[in-house]
Structure formats: structure tokens, C-alpha cells
Amino acid sequence: MTYRNKTTRRKKTFTRKKRNSRLGKRNLTFKITDLIHTSLHEVSKELDAFEKSALNYDDTFYIYYKPRTNPNLHPHIHYNSSFAGFPGGCVQMNESFTNKQAYNMVKKWRASVSKLLNADEEERRDWRIMFDHMLSFIKKHIKQK
């Protein structure tokens, strides 16, 4: 966006970040790690199908389906405090998203579950349950705004 300052007649350019902040765009009102840990806790009450593991070389964690020993080769949620991603779900959710954008991203992840080639129907069902819990968590935060 450009505009002319009437006194100096010089064009000023605003970056996207500044423009969004001026428009009052809000970032997530929750932490991504809280979203995943709460959802994982809720799912673990219903079914014991997911495991959490940490990697040594950075602060990234994986949530993966128990029968899978190598999470990189199979559908998994990878996340840390600033982002979360699910293979086949387009892009990663990050902390600069709004609550509505995060909700739409998890909906895309849920829709991508039906396209998982290396997962059986039971595993797909369990992923959908996990994403349903994530959607309900985000929906609570959208209503609180």
C-alpha cells in the first residue's frame, strides 16, 4: 500500500506486517503446543493410538500413530511452539495465524486424512478424532474473542 504524505510529497510503502497490525489483525489467542497437548490428552482418554516423541536436534516434536516406528515416513503432526504441520494438509499453521485461519487449516488437515495412502481405515478414523478435538479447542477460543 502506498500513499503520499502531503507535506513531503514522498511515497511511503508499508510492509504487509505493518499493514496487518494497523488493521487490527490478531494472532492466535492460544499456544500451538497447548492445542496439540490438550487434544492429545483428550484423545488418549478415548483411544490409545497416538504417541508423542521429541527429536534431539531441535525443539520439534512428533505426534504419530503407534504402529508406525518412523514418523517421517508416515502421516504425523510435527510441531513446536511456533508452528504445526500435517503432511498433505497444504501448509503449516504458525503463530501469526488468526484463530479462524488455524481453524480452517485443521479442517484442511482433517479433509486430507481421506487421501492418506499408507493408512488403513482405523488409522484414518483415529486421525479424524484427533482433528475433531483440535477443532473444538480452537472453536472455544474463537467464541471467547
Protein backbone atom coordinates (compact mmCIF):
# COMPACT_ATOMS: atom_id res chain seq x y z
CA MET A 1 0.00 0.00 0.00
CA THR A 2 1.37 3.39 -0.88
CA TYR A 3 0.18 6.86 -0.08
CA ARG A 4 1.56 10.34 -0.45
CA ASN A 5 2.47 12.41 2.52
CA LYS A 6 1.02 15.85 1.66
CA THR A 7 3.85 17.80 3.23
CA THR A 8 6.81 15.99 1.70
CA ARG A 9 5.20 14.55 -1.46
CA ARG A 10 7.22 11.39 -0.86
CA LYS A 11 5.64 7.96 -1.28
CA LYS A 12 5.70 5.72 1.74
CA THR A 13 5.44 1.96 1.47
CA PHE A 14 4.13 -0.25 4.24
CA THR A 15 5.11 -3.86 4.60
CA ARG A 16 2.41 -6.49 4.95
CA LYS A 17 3.22 -6.96 8.63
CA LYS A 18 2.75 -3.28 9.43
CA ARG A 19 -0.44 -3.07 7.38
CA ASN A 20 -1.94 -6.09 9.12
CA SER A 21 -1.11 -4.70 12.53
CA ARG A 22 -2.75 -1.40 11.63
CA LEU A 23 -5.91 -3.23 10.56
CA GLY A 24 -6.08 -4.89 13.96
CA LYS A 25 -5.34 -8.40 12.75
CA ARG A 26 -4.83 -10.62 15.78
CA ASN A 27 -2.55 -13.58 16.17
CA LEU A 28 -3.55 -16.85 17.80
CA THR A 29 -5.07 -16.43 21.24
CA PHE A 30 -3.69 -19.81 22.29
CA LYS A 31 -0.35 -21.57 22.08
CA ILE A 32 0.09 -24.22 19.40
CA THR A 33 1.65 -26.58 21.94
CA ASP A 34 -1.43 -26.16 24.18
CA LEU A 35 -3.68 -27.01 21.26
CA ILE A 36 -1.83 -30.22 20.50
CA HIS A 37 -1.21 -31.33 24.08
CA THR A 38 -4.84 -30.72 25.09
CA SER A 39 -6.14 -32.56 22.03
CA LEU A 40 -3.72 -35.43 22.58
CA HIS A 41 -4.81 -35.68 26.21
CA GLU A 42 -8.49 -35.75 25.18
CA VAL A 43 -7.85 -38.41 22.53
CA SER A 44 -5.80 -40.57 24.89
CA LYS A 45 -8.86 -40.90 27.12
CA GLU A 46 -10.82 -42.39 24.22
CA LEU A 47 -8.21 -44.41 22.37
CA ASP A 48 -4.59 -45.20 22.96
CA ALA A 49 -3.41 -44.86 19.37
CA PHE A 50 -1.04 -41.88 19.34
CA GLU A 51 2.44 -41.39 20.72
CA LYS A 52 4.48 -38.27 21.26
CA SER A 53 8.22 -38.19 20.69
CA ALA A 54 10.89 -35.49 20.70
CA LEU A 55 13.73 -35.06 18.28
CA ASN A 56 17.20 -34.35 19.58
CA TYR A 57 18.44 -31.83 17.03
CA ASP A 58 15.81 -29.12 17.66
CA ASP A 59 12.66 -28.43 19.64
CA THR A 60 10.35 -30.18 17.20
CA PHE A 61 8.00 -32.89 18.44
CA TYR A 62 6.07 -35.54 16.56
CA ILE A 63 2.64 -37.00 17.19
CA TYR A 64 2.33 -40.24 15.31
CA TYR A 65 0.18 -43.33 15.16
CA LYS A 66 1.51 -46.09 17.41
CA PRO A 67 2.04 -48.86 14.86
CA ARG A 68 4.41 -46.55 12.98
CA THR A 69 8.02 -46.68 14.10
CA ASN A 70 9.43 -43.96 11.83
CA PRO A 71 7.16 -40.89 11.92
CA ASN A 72 8.90 -39.21 8.97
CA LEU A 73 7.67 -41.87 6.56
CA HIS A 74 4.04 -41.84 7.71
CA PRO A 75 1.37 -39.26 8.48
CA HIS A 76 2.28 -37.33 11.61
CA ILE A 77 1.86 -33.96 13.25
CA HIS A 78 5.14 -32.13 13.68
CA TYR A 79 5.19 -29.05 15.86
CA ASN A 80 6.98 -26.76 18.25
CA SER A 81 5.94 -23.54 19.96
CA SER A 82 5.75 -21.54 16.72
CA PHE A 83 4.33 -23.90 14.07
CA ALA A 84 2.48 -27.15 13.43
CA GLY A 85 2.14 -29.20 10.27
CA PHE A 86 0.49 -32.33 8.96
CA PRO A 87 1.61 -33.97 5.67
CA GLY A 88 -0.92 -33.47 2.92
CA GLY A 89 -2.51 -30.57 4.74
CA CYS A 90 -1.21 -27.84 2.40
CA VAL A 91 0.91 -25.57 4.61
CA GLN A 92 1.95 -25.35 8.21
CA MET A 93 -0.04 -23.44 10.78
CA ASN A 94 2.12 -20.85 12.53
CA GLU A 95 1.74 -18.44 15.42
CA SER A 96 0.99 -15.49 13.11
CA PHE A 97 -2.30 -17.12 12.04
CA THR A 98 -5.59 -15.84 13.36
CA ASN A 99 -7.85 -18.27 15.21
CA LYS A 100 -10.08 -18.54 12.14
CA GLN A 101 -7.12 -19.32 9.88
CA ALA A 102 -5.94 -22.00 12.32
CA TYR A 103 -9.44 -23.49 12.38
CA ASN A 104 -9.52 -23.62 8.57
CA MET A 105 -6.05 -25.18 8.49
CA VAL A 106 -7.06 -28.01 10.83
CA LYS A 107 -10.17 -28.53 8.69
CA LYS A 108 -7.85 -28.95 5.67
CA TRP A 109 -5.77 -31.44 7.65
CA ARG A 110 -8.92 -33.38 8.55
CA ALA A 111 -10.01 -33.43 4.91
CA SER A 112 -6.57 -34.66 3.82
CA VAL A 113 -6.90 -37.74 6.07
CA SER A 114 -9.09 -39.47 3.47
CA LYS A 115 -6.22 -39.12 0.97
CA LEU A 116 -3.64 -40.90 3.13
CA LEU A 117 -2.34 -43.76 1.03
CA ASN A 118 -0.32 -45.61 3.65
CA ALA A 119 -3.02 -45.70 6.35
CA ASP A 120 -5.81 -48.15 6.97
CA GLU A 121 -9.39 -47.14 7.82
CA GLU A 122 -8.85 -47.47 11.57
CA GLU A 123 -5.88 -45.10 11.47
CA ARG A 124 -7.84 -42.60 9.35
CA ARG A 125 -10.70 -42.72 11.88
CA ASP A 126 -8.30 -42.03 14.75
CA TRP A 127 -6.71 -39.06 12.93
CA ARG A 128 -10.20 -37.63 12.33
CA ILE A 129 -10.96 -37.95 16.05
CA MET A 130 -7.73 -36.13 16.88
CA PHE A 131 -8.52 -33.30 14.46
CA ASP A 132 -12.10 -33.05 15.77
CA HIS A 133 -10.69 -32.39 19.24
CA MET A 134 -8.36 -29.77 17.80
CA LEU A 135 -11.28 -28.08 16.01
CA SER A 136 -13.37 -27.98 19.18
CA PHE A 137 -10.41 -26.48 21.11
CA ILE A 138 -9.98 -23.73 18.52
CA LYS A 139 -13.73 -23.11 18.31
CA LYS A 140 -13.78 -22.34 22.05
CA HIS A 141 -11.09 -19.71 21.52
CA ILE A 142 -12.93 -18.19 18.56
CA LYS A 143 -16.05 -17.75 20.68
CA GLN A 144 -14.06 -16.13 23.52
CA LYS A 145 -12.82 -13.27 21.30
